[in-house]
Amino acid sequence: MTRLHQAAFTGRLGALYETKFGLAPFVSYSESFEPQTGTAFDGAAFVPVTGRQYEAGLKYQPRGTSALFTLSAFDLRRQNVPTTDPANPNFSIQIGEVAVRGIELDGRGEITPGLTVTVAGTYTDPEVTQGTPVVGTGDQLSGVTGTRPLGISTWSASSFVNYDLSRTGGRALSGFNMGGGVRYVGQSDGTATRVAAGQTLATRFQSPGYVLVDAVLGYDLGTFDDSLKGMSLTANVANLFDKRHIASCFFVNSCYFGASRTVVGSLRFNW
């Protein structure tokens, strides 16, 4: 048995200033550290993945409302990221640095009594800024400097609507809440390789984007019996229509299907 000891000190720092108009600019900086197990083809042990992120943006809450809107831009860098070894596809190597820059926009708030809406959208621009040496045909292989990392989509968006029937549905529906939402994930890159005449040849392709529907139904048991006050039942359904989809082609010659319909029930008690 080999003992693994990887440790680091990471930090976070942030600042936000709220104006009297409800507009609040903010900035933040954070670091990350992720221990790694395993070895490369030559037996060299992997080193930890490290990262840092800068983020800046604006938050806005209109006076007299519960709505909150956020617009932010970020620059995330991760070092020593594992990726498929182009020369030995059954093994991984660690590349120098992957950068992901992007913009996020989200908003949430109560539109009418009992009706809450949440929307979000993200644009990302990922790039391998310090990659592996060119192998075979080179510029189309995973992890080469200047290429896009595999499995990261440029566009994603989501929306969710939740309706608390206790506030508008009358006594018969008291205690119930229900909601539904849509998730969109855009196309992302994948790579397939083959060996010909002693060279590793690679072809980039795009895995298709997908749209999934989620739903939730909850009931406050305290409205049924005062002795159950604070207890609630909730059923969450992800991928409601059981859509078959490719979640990611993160590794060379490998794609993964996303989860099929998943139902999770929970019983909670708040005090």
C-alpha atoms as a PDB file:
ATOM      1  CA  MET A   1       0.000   0.000   0.000  1.00  0.00           C
ATOM      2  CA  THR A   2       1.295   3.440  -0.949  1.00  0.00           C
ATOM      3  CA  ARG A   3       0.571   6.350   1.365  1.00  0.00           C
ATOM      4  CA  LEU A   4      -0.470   9.590  -0.292  1.00  0.00           C
ATOM      5  CA  HIS A   5       0.197  12.905   1.403  1.00  0.00           C
ATOM      6  CA  GLN A   6      -0.824  16.035  -0.492  1.00  0.00           C
ATOM      7  CA  ALA A   7      -1.619  19.259   1.332  1.00  0.00           C
ATOM      8  CA  ALA A   8      -1.871  22.962   0.566  1.00  0.00           C
ATOM      9  CA  PHE A   9      -3.168  26.239   1.971  1.00  0.00           C
ATOM     10  CA  THR A  10      -5.850  27.954  -0.123  1.00  0.00           C
ATOM     11  CA  GLY A  11      -7.537  31.295   0.367  1.00  0.00           C
ATOM     12  CA  ARG A  12     -10.622  33.271  -0.543  1.00  0.00           C
ATOM     13  CA  LEU A  13     -11.172  37.001  -0.615  1.00  0.00           C
ATOM     14  CA  GLY A  14     -14.174  39.033  -1.645  1.00  0.00           C
ATOM     15  CA  ALA A  15     -15.690  42.493  -1.379  1.00  0.00           C
ATOM     16  CA  LEU A  16     -19.155  43.910  -2.105  1.00  0.00           C
ATOM     17  CA  TYR A  17     -20.436  47.473  -1.923  1.00  0.00           C
ATOM     18  CA  GLU A  18     -24.179  48.152  -1.811  1.00  0.00           C
ATOM     19  CA  THR A  19     -25.432  51.489  -3.090  1.00  0.00           C
ATOM     20  CA  LYS A  20     -28.662  53.134  -2.005  1.00  0.00           C
ATOM     21  CA  PHE A  21     -30.137  52.357  -5.435  1.00  0.00           C
ATOM     22  CA  GLY A  22     -30.004  48.601  -4.832  1.00  0.00           C
ATOM     23  CA  LEU A  23     -26.980  48.152  -7.130  1.00  0.00           C
ATOM     24  CA  ALA A  24     -24.041  46.270  -5.597  1.00  0.00           C
ATOM     25  CA  PRO A  25     -20.703  45.817  -7.441  1.00  0.00           C
ATOM     26  CA  PHE A  26     -18.519  42.961  -6.176  1.00  0.00           C
ATOM     27  CA  VAL A  27     -15.149  41.286  -6.752  1.00  0.00           C
ATOM     28  CA  SER A  28     -13.781  37.979  -5.483  1.00  0.00           C
ATOM     29  CA  TYR A  29     -10.679  35.822  -5.646  1.00  0.00           C
ATOM     30  CA  SER A  30     -10.449  32.150  -4.697  1.00  0.00           C
ATOM     31  CA  GLU A  31      -7.937  29.298  -4.846  1.00  0.00           C
ATOM     32  CA  SER A  32      -8.487  25.553  -5.070  1.00  0.00           C
ATOM     33  CA  PHE A  33      -6.511  22.378  -4.416  1.00  0.00           C
ATOM     34  CA  GLU A  34      -7.492  18.870  -5.510  1.00  0.00           C
ATOM     35  CA  PRO A  35      -5.347  15.831  -4.535  1.00  0.00           C
ATOM     36  CA  GLN A  36      -4.740  13.286  -7.292  1.00  0.00           C
ATOM     37  CA  THR A  37      -4.130   9.538  -7.229  1.00  0.00           C
ATOM     38  CA  GLY A  38      -2.705   7.343  -9.967  1.00  0.00           C
ATOM     39  CA  THR A  39       0.293   7.487 -12.286  1.00  0.00           C
ATOM     40  CA  ALA A  40       1.130   8.280 -15.895  1.00  0.00           C
ATOM     41  CA  PHE A  41       2.273   5.718 -18.477  1.00  0.00           C
ATOM     42  CA  ASP A  42       5.882   6.055 -17.307  1.00  0.00           C
ATOM     43  CA  GLY A  43       4.921   5.407 -13.680  1.00  0.00           C
ATOM     44  CA  ALA A  44       5.310   9.007 -12.510  1.00  0.00           C
ATOM     45  CA  ALA A  45       2.846   9.869  -9.748  1.00  0.00           C
ATOM     46  CA  PHE A  46       0.325  12.625 -10.431  1.00  0.00           C
ATOM     47  CA  VAL A  47       0.660  15.932  -8.612  1.00  0.00           C
ATOM     48  CA  PRO A  48      -2.352  17.848  -7.196  1.00  0.00           C
ATOM     49  CA  VAL A  49      -4.569  19.965  -9.434  1.00  0.00           C
ATOM     50  CA  THR A  50      -4.474  23.607  -8.355  1.00  0.00           C
ATOM     51  CA  GLY A  51      -6.583  26.533  -9.453  1.00  0.00           C
ATOM     52  CA  ARG A  52      -7.461  30.160  -8.987  1.00  0.00           C
ATOM     53  CA  GLN A  53     -10.440  32.257 -10.026  1.00  0.00           C
ATOM     54  CA  TYR A  54     -11.084  35.973 -10.399  1.00  0.00           C
ATOM     55  CA  GLU A  55     -14.668  37.172 -10.594  1.00  0.00           C
ATOM     56  CA  ALA A  56     -16.285  40.596 -10.801  1.00  0.00           C
ATOM     57  CA  GLY A  57     -19.814  41.729 -11.421  1.00  0.00           C
ATOM     58  CA  LEU A  58     -22.958  43.519 -10.348  1.00  0.00           C
ATOM     59  CA  LYS A  59     -25.897  42.499  -8.200  1.00  0.00           C
ATOM     60  CA  TYR A  60     -29.158  44.393  -8.371  1.00  0.00           C
ATOM     61  CA  GLN A  61     -32.216  44.147  -6.150  1.00  0.00           C
ATOM     62  CA  PRO A  62     -35.014  46.572  -7.025  1.00  0.00           C
ATOM     63  CA  ARG A  63     -36.228  48.355  -3.936  1.00  0.00           C
ATOM     64  CA  GLY A  64     -39.382  46.890  -2.417  1.00  0.00           C
ATOM     65  CA  THR A  65     -39.042  43.536  -4.202  1.00  0.00           C
ATOM     66  CA  SER A  66     -37.576  40.114  -3.459  1.00  0.00           C
ATOM     67  CA  ALA A  67     -36.037  39.877  -6.939  1.00  0.00           C
ATOM     68  CA  LEU A  68     -32.257  39.645  -7.330  1.00  0.00           C
ATOM     69  CA  PHE A  69     -30.301  39.918 -10.597  1.00  0.00           C
ATOM     70  CA  THR A  70     -26.610  39.118 -10.974  1.00  0.00           C
ATOM     71  CA  LEU A  71     -24.235  39.702 -13.892  1.00  0.00           C
ATOM     72  CA  SER A  72     -20.652  38.510 -13.503  1.00  0.00           C
ATOM     73  CA  ALA A  73     -17.509  37.785 -15.506  1.00  0.00           C
ATOM     74  CA  PHE A  74     -14.937  35.228 -14.413  1.00  0.00           C
ATOM     75  CA  ASP A  75     -11.476  33.947 -15.264  1.00  0.00           C
ATOM     76  CA  LEU A  76     -10.744  30.448 -13.955  1.00  0.00           C
ATOM     77  CA  ARG A  77      -7.330  28.778 -14.360  1.00  0.00           C
ATOM     78  CA  ARG A  78      -6.516  25.181 -13.375  1.00  0.00           C
ATOM     79  CA  GLN A  79      -3.034  23.698 -13.443  1.00  0.00           C
ATOM     80  CA  ASN A  80      -1.941  20.049 -13.834  1.00  0.00           C
ATOM     81  CA  VAL A  81      -5.343  18.964 -15.191  1.00  0.00           C
ATOM     82  CA  PRO A  82      -5.525  15.231 -16.092  1.00  0.00           C
ATOM     83  CA  THR A  83      -6.409  14.404 -19.686  1.00  0.00           C
ATOM     84  CA  THR A  84      -6.074  11.376 -21.946  1.00  0.00           C
ATOM     85  CA  ASP A  85      -2.493  10.644 -23.019  1.00  0.00           C
ATOM     86  CA  PRO A  86      -2.528  11.054 -26.852  1.00  0.00           C
ATOM     87  CA  ALA A  87       0.271   8.487 -27.253  1.00  0.00           C
ATOM     88  CA  ASN A  88      -1.235   6.001 -24.761  1.00  0.00           C
ATOM     89  CA  PRO A  89      -5.052   6.429 -24.728  1.00  0.00           C
ATOM     90  CA  ASN A  90      -5.495   3.995 -21.815  1.00  0.00           C
ATOM     91  CA  PHE A  91      -3.492   6.333 -19.563  1.00  0.00           C
ATOM     92  CA  SER A  92      -3.695   9.968 -18.525  1.00  0.00           C
ATOM     93  CA  ILE A  93      -1.201  12.810 -18.420  1.00  0.00           C
ATOM     94  CA  GLN A  94      -1.344  16.189 -16.696  1.00  0.00           C
ATOM     95  CA  ILE A  95      -1.264  19.317 -18.840  1.00  0.00           C
ATOM     96  CA  GLY A  96       0.103  22.678 -17.735  1.00  0.00           C
ATOM     97  CA  GLU A  97      -2.970  24.910 -17.586  1.00  0.00           C
ATOM     98  CA  VAL A  98      -6.604  25.117 -18.695  1.00  0.00           C
ATOM     99  CA  ALA A  99      -8.320  28.509 -18.729  1.00  0.00           C
ATOM    100  CA  VAL A 100     -12.075  29.038 -18.686  1.00  0.00           C
ATOM    101  CA  ARG A 101     -13.318  32.589 -19.125  1.00  0.00           C
ATOM    102  CA  GLY A 102     -16.954  33.457 -19.229  1.00  0.00           C
ATOM    103  CA  ILE A 103     -20.006  35.513 -18.340  1.00  0.00           C
ATOM    104  CA  GLU A 104     -22.940  34.510 -16.133  1.00  0.00           C
ATOM    105  CA  LEU A 105     -26.358  36.093 -15.826  1.00  0.00           C
ATOM    106  CA  ASP A 106     -29.054  34.981 -13.427  1.00  0.00           C
ATOM    107  CA  GLY A 107     -32.213  36.359 -11.906  1.00  0.00           C
ATOM    108  CA  ARG A 108     -34.713  35.147  -9.367  1.00  0.00           C
ATOM    109  CA  GLY A 109     -37.723  36.541  -7.616  1.00  0.00           C
ATOM    110  CA  GLU A 110     -41.411  36.260  -6.761  1.00  0.00           C
ATOM    111  CA  ILE A 111     -43.463  37.393  -9.741  1.00  0.00           C
ATOM    112  CA  THR A 112     -46.864  37.099  -8.061  1.00  0.00           C
ATOM    113  CA  PRO A 113     -47.787  35.771  -4.603  1.00  0.00           C
ATOM    114  CA  GLY A 114     -46.646  32.170  -4.475  1.00  0.00           C
ATOM    115  CA  LEU A 115     -45.012  32.153  -7.933  1.00  0.00           C
ATOM    116  CA  THR A 116     -41.202  32.212  -7.929  1.00  0.00           C
ATOM    117  CA  VAL A 117     -39.126  32.235 -11.121  1.00  0.00           C
ATOM    118  CA  THR A 118     -35.405  31.540 -11.525  1.00  0.00           C
ATOM    119  CA  VAL A 119     -33.471  31.931 -14.797  1.00  0.00           C
ATOM    120  CA  ALA A 120     -29.760  31.634 -15.545  1.00  0.00           C
ATOM    121  CA  GLY A 121     -27.440  31.599 -18.533  1.00  0.00           C
ATOM    122  CA  THR A 122     -23.701  31.086 -18.977  1.00  0.00           C
ATOM    123  CA  TYR A 123     -21.240  31.667 -21.794  1.00  0.00           C
ATOM    124  CA  THR A 124     -17.787  30.065 -21.467  1.00  0.00           C
ATOM    125  CA  ASP A 125     -14.642  30.299 -23.566  1.00  0.00           C
ATOM    126  CA  PRO A 126     -12.342  27.418 -22.530  1.00  0.00           C
ATOM    127  CA  GLU A 127      -8.787  27.004 -23.825  1.00  0.00           C
ATOM    128  CA  VAL A 128      -5.728  24.889 -23.096  1.00  0.00           C
ATOM    129  CA  THR A 129      -3.152  27.620 -22.455  1.00  0.00           C
ATOM    130  CA  GLN A 130      -0.252  25.308 -21.560  1.00  0.00           C
ATOM    131  CA  GLY A 131      -0.649  21.890 -23.125  1.00  0.00           C
ATOM    132  CA  THR A 132       1.190  18.750 -24.083  1.00  0.00           C
ATOM    133  CA  PRO A 133       3.767  18.428 -26.860  1.00  0.00           C
ATOM    134  CA  VAL A 134       2.457  17.734 -30.360  1.00  0.00           C
ATOM    135  CA  VAL A 135       2.000  14.022 -31.024  1.00  0.00           C
ATOM    136  CA  GLY A 136       1.218  12.543 -34.448  1.00  0.00           C
ATOM    137  CA  THR A 137      -0.935  14.965 -36.411  1.00  0.00           C
ATOM    138  CA  GLY A 138      -0.769  17.301 -33.451  1.00  0.00           C
ATOM    139  CA  ASP A 139      -3.127  20.224 -33.501  1.00  0.00           C
ATOM    140  CA  GLN A 140      -6.297  18.148 -33.221  1.00  0.00           C
ATOM    141  CA  LEU A 141      -5.219  16.086 -30.222  1.00  0.00           C
ATOM    142  CA  SER A 142      -6.493  16.472 -26.679  1.00  0.00           C
ATOM    143  CA  GLY A 143      -4.509  18.784 -24.425  1.00  0.00           C
ATOM    144  CA  VAL A 144      -2.453  20.588 -27.087  1.00  0.00           C
ATOM    145  CA  THR A 145      -1.811  24.287 -26.447  1.00  0.00           C
ATOM    146  CA  GLY A 146      -4.424  26.496 -28.100  1.00  0.00           C
ATOM    147  CA  THR A 147      -7.129  23.835 -28.403  1.00  0.00           C
ATOM    148  CA  ARG A 148     -10.432  23.674 -26.567  1.00  0.00           C
ATOM    149  CA  PRO A 149     -10.663  21.282 -23.609  1.00  0.00           C
ATOM    150  CA  LEU A 150     -12.930  18.321 -24.223  1.00  0.00           C
ATOM    151  CA  GLY A 151     -16.416  18.079 -22.759  1.00  0.00           C
ATOM    152  CA  ILE A 152     -16.962  21.786 -21.944  1.00  0.00           C
ATOM    153  CA  SER A 153     -19.907  23.476 -23.672  1.00  0.00           C
ATOM    154  CA  THR A 154     -19.884  27.114 -24.734  1.00  0.00           C
ATOM    155  CA  TRP A 155     -23.512  27.838 -23.851  1.00  0.00           C
ATOM    156  CA  SER A 156     -25.748  26.635 -21.046  1.00  0.00           C
ATOM    157  CA  ALA A 157     -28.987  27.921 -19.577  1.00  0.00           C
ATOM    158  CA  SER A 158     -31.703  26.949 -17.130  1.00  0.00           C
ATOM    159  CA  SER A 159     -35.033  28.135 -15.833  1.00  0.00           C
ATOM    160  CA  PHE A 160     -37.297  26.988 -13.036  1.00  0.00           C
ATOM    161  CA  VAL A 161     -40.756  27.997 -11.873  1.00  0.00           C
ATOM    162  CA  ASN A 162     -42.074  27.097  -8.411  1.00  0.00           C
ATOM    163  CA  TYR A 163     -45.679  27.619  -7.329  1.00  0.00           C
ATOM    164  CA  ASP A 164     -46.697  27.576  -3.669  1.00  0.00           C
ATOM    165  CA  LEU A 165     -50.341  26.494  -3.778  1.00  0.00           C
ATOM    166  CA  SER A 166     -50.759  27.237  -0.078  1.00  0.00           C
ATOM    167  CA  ARG A 167     -50.907  30.938  -0.899  1.00  0.00           C
ATOM    168  CA  THR A 168     -53.331  30.852  -3.798  1.00  0.00           C
ATOM    169  CA  GLY A 169     -54.881  27.402  -4.123  1.00  0.00           C
ATOM    170  CA  GLY A 170     -57.396  27.548  -1.294  1.00  0.00           C
ATOM    171  CA  ARG A 171     -57.759  25.186   1.641  1.00  0.00           C
ATOM    172  CA  ALA A 172     -57.997  22.048  -0.506  1.00  0.00           C
ATOM    173  CA  LEU A 173     -54.461  22.582  -1.852  1.00  0.00           C
ATOM    174  CA  SER A 174     -52.989  24.042   1.308  1.00  0.00           C
ATOM    175  CA  GLY A 175     -49.495  22.728   1.979  1.00  0.00           C
ATOM    176  CA  PHE A 176     -48.680  21.759  -1.604  1.00  0.00           C
ATOM    177  CA  ASN A 177     -46.019  23.320  -3.797  1.00  0.00           C
ATOM    178  CA  MET A 178     -45.034  22.288  -7.286  1.00  0.00           C
ATOM    179  CA  GLY A 179     -42.521  23.359  -9.876  1.00  0.00           C
ATOM    180  CA  GLY A 180     -40.872  22.596 -13.159  1.00  0.00           C
ATOM    181  CA  GLY A 181     -37.838  23.680 -15.084  1.00  0.00           C
ATOM    182  CA  VAL A 182     -35.770  23.312 -18.231  1.00  0.00           C
ATOM    183  CA  ARG A 183     -31.994  22.821 -18.554  1.00  0.00           C
ATOM    184  CA  TYR A 184     -30.056  23.427 -21.770  1.00  0.00           C
ATOM    185  CA  VAL A 185     -26.431  22.364 -22.326  1.00  0.00           C
ATOM    186  CA  GLY A 186     -24.858  23.193 -25.686  1.00  0.00           C
ATOM    187  CA  GLN A 187     -22.459  21.279 -27.892  1.00  0.00           C
ATOM    188  CA  SER A 188     -19.030  20.292 -26.599  1.00  0.00           C
ATOM    189  CA  ASP A 189     -15.897  18.872 -28.211  1.00  0.00           C
ATOM    190  CA  GLY A 190     -14.832  15.247 -28.331  1.00  0.00           C
ATOM    191  CA  THR A 191     -11.896  13.479 -29.967  1.00  0.00           C
ATOM    192  CA  ALA A 192     -11.543  10.087 -31.628  1.00  0.00           C
ATOM    193  CA  THR A 193      -8.127   8.642 -32.533  1.00  0.00           C
ATOM    194  CA  ARG A 194      -6.744   5.879 -34.712  1.00  0.00           C
ATOM    195  CA  VAL A 195      -3.233   4.666 -35.515  1.00  0.00           C
ATOM    196  CA  ALA A 196      -2.112   4.605 -39.164  1.00  0.00           C
ATOM    197  CA  ALA A 197       1.419   4.126 -40.503  1.00  0.00           C
ATOM    198  CA  GLY A 198       2.811   4.450 -37.005  1.00  0.00           C
ATOM    199  CA  GLN A 199       1.144   7.806 -36.372  1.00  0.00           C
ATOM    200  CA  THR A 200      -1.710   8.689 -34.022  1.00  0.00           C
ATOM    201  CA  LEU A 201      -4.365  10.418 -36.094  1.00  0.00           C
ATOM    202  CA  ALA A 202      -7.116  12.364 -34.389  1.00  0.00           C
ATOM    203  CA  THR A 203     -10.473  13.765 -35.418  1.00  0.00           C
ATOM    204  CA  ARG A 204     -12.335  16.416 -33.483  1.00  0.00           C
ATOM    205  CA  PHE A 205     -16.114  16.232 -33.363  1.00  0.00           C
ATOM    206  CA  GLN A 206     -18.913  17.899 -31.434  1.00  0.00           C
ATOM    207  CA  SER A 207     -21.265  15.983 -29.206  1.00  0.00           C
ATOM    208  CA  PRO A 208     -24.824  17.342 -29.544  1.00  0.00           C
ATOM    209  CA  GLY A 209     -26.409  19.681 -27.058  1.00  0.00           C
ATOM    210  CA  TYR A 210     -29.502  18.661 -25.128  1.00  0.00           C
ATOM    211  CA  VAL A 211     -32.527  19.997 -23.265  1.00  0.00           C
ATOM    212  CA  LEU A 212     -33.871  18.293 -20.135  1.00  0.00           C
ATOM    213  CA  VAL A 213     -37.013  18.888 -18.090  1.00  0.00           C
ATOM    214  CA  ASP A 214     -37.117  18.611 -14.285  1.00  0.00           C
ATOM    215  CA  ALA A 215     -40.025  18.711 -11.839  1.00  0.00           C
ATOM    216  CA  VAL A 216     -40.667  18.896  -8.113  1.00  0.00           C
ATOM    217  CA  LEU A 217     -43.704  18.276  -5.898  1.00  0.00           C
ATOM    218  CA  GLY A 218     -43.736  18.997  -2.184  1.00  0.00           C
ATOM    219  CA  TYR A 219     -46.149  18.879   0.729  1.00  0.00           C
ATOM    220  CA  ASP A 220     -45.941  20.522   4.152  1.00  0.00           C
ATOM    221  CA  LEU A 221     -47.160  17.852   6.586  1.00  0.00           C
ATOM    222  CA  GLY A 222     -47.804  20.510   9.215  1.00  0.00           C
ATOM    223  CA  THR A 223     -50.891  21.639   7.307  1.00  0.00           C
ATOM    224  CA  PHE A 224     -52.340  18.147   7.707  1.00  0.00           C
ATOM    225  CA  ASP A 225     -51.619  17.743  11.410  1.00  0.00           C
ATOM    226  CA  ASP A 226     -50.221  20.317  13.853  1.00  0.00           C
ATOM    227  CA  SER A 227     -48.123  17.600  15.512  1.00  0.00           C
ATOM    228  CA  LEU A 228     -46.166  17.300  12.241  1.00  0.00           C
ATOM    229  CA  LYS A 229     -45.281  20.978  12.081  1.00  0.00           C
ATOM    230  CA  GLY A 230     -41.853  21.482  10.515  1.00  0.00           C
ATOM    231  CA  MET A 231     -41.968  18.247   8.519  1.00  0.00           C
ATOM    232  CA  SER A 232     -42.259  18.173   4.728  1.00  0.00           C
ATOM    233  CA  LEU A 233     -42.230  15.625   1.931  1.00  0.00           C
ATOM    234  CA  THR A 234     -40.595  16.386  -1.417  1.00  0.00           C
ATOM    235  CA  ALA A 235     -40.231  14.425  -4.666  1.00  0.00           C
ATOM    236  CA  ASN A 236     -37.638  15.688  -7.164  1.00  0.00           C
ATOM    237  CA  VAL A 237     -37.620  14.299 -10.702  1.00  0.00           C
ATOM    238  CA  ALA A 238     -34.597  14.958 -12.918  1.00  0.00           C
ATOM    239  CA  ASN A 239     -34.905  14.306 -16.665  1.00  0.00           C
ATOM    240  CA  LEU A 240     -38.671  13.941 -16.377  1.00  0.00           C
ATOM    241  CA  PHE A 241     -39.179  12.627 -19.919  1.00  0.00           C
ATOM    242  CA  ASP A 242     -36.257  10.181 -19.663  1.00  0.00           C
ATOM    243  CA  LYS A 243     -34.436  11.718 -22.615  1.00  0.00           C
ATOM    244  CA  ARG A 244     -31.392   9.797 -23.789  1.00  0.00           C
ATOM    245  CA  HIS A 245     -28.472  12.206 -24.162  1.00  0.00           C
ATOM    246  CA  ILE A 246     -24.683  12.370 -24.248  1.00  0.00           C
ATOM    247  CA  ALA A 247     -23.516  14.221 -21.161  1.00  0.00           C
ATOM    248  CA  SER A 248     -19.864  14.553 -22.171  1.00  0.00           C
ATOM    249  CA  CYS A 249     -17.012  13.250 -24.333  1.00  0.00           C
ATOM    250  CA  PHE A 250     -14.435  14.314 -21.795  1.00  0.00           C
ATOM    251  CA  PHE A 251     -11.780  11.697 -22.647  1.00  0.00           C
ATOM    252  CA  VAL A 252     -10.340  10.647 -25.999  1.00  0.00           C
ATOM    253  CA  ASN A 253     -12.398   7.843 -27.599  1.00  0.00           C
ATOM    254  CA  SER A 254     -14.920   8.000 -24.738  1.00  0.00           C
ATOM    255  CA  CYS A 255     -18.402   9.492 -24.447  1.00  0.00           C
ATOM    256  CA  TYR A 256     -20.784   9.130 -21.517  1.00  0.00           C
ATOM    257  CA  PHE A 257     -24.554   9.064 -21.492  1.00  0.00           C
ATOM    258  CA  GLY A 258     -26.273  11.337 -19.018  1.00  0.00           C
ATOM    259  CA  ALA A 259     -28.462  10.033 -16.223  1.00  0.00           C
ATOM    260  CA  SER A 260     -31.872   8.699 -17.166  1.00  0.00           C
ATOM    261  CA  ARG A 261     -35.016   9.736 -15.293  1.00  0.00           C
ATOM    262  CA  THR A 262     -34.137   9.975 -11.604  1.00  0.00           C
ATOM    263  CA  VAL A 263     -36.671  10.348  -8.787  1.00  0.00           C
ATOM    264  CA  VAL A 264     -35.471  11.329  -5.326  1.00  0.00           C
ATOM    265  CA  GLY A 265     -37.846  11.530  -2.363  1.00  0.00           C
ATOM    266  CA  SER A 266     -36.981  13.267   0.874  1.00  0.00           C
ATOM    267  CA  LEU A 267     -38.495  13.805   4.296  1.00  0.00           C
ATOM    268  CA  ARG A 268     -37.284  16.915   6.098  1.00  0.00           C
ATOM    269  CA  PHE A 269     -37.766  18.360   9.538  1.00  0.00           C
ATOM    270  CA  ASN A 270     -37.027  22.005  10.287  1.00  0.00           C
ATOM    271  CA  TRP A 271     -36.935  23.528  13.729  1.00  0.00           C
END
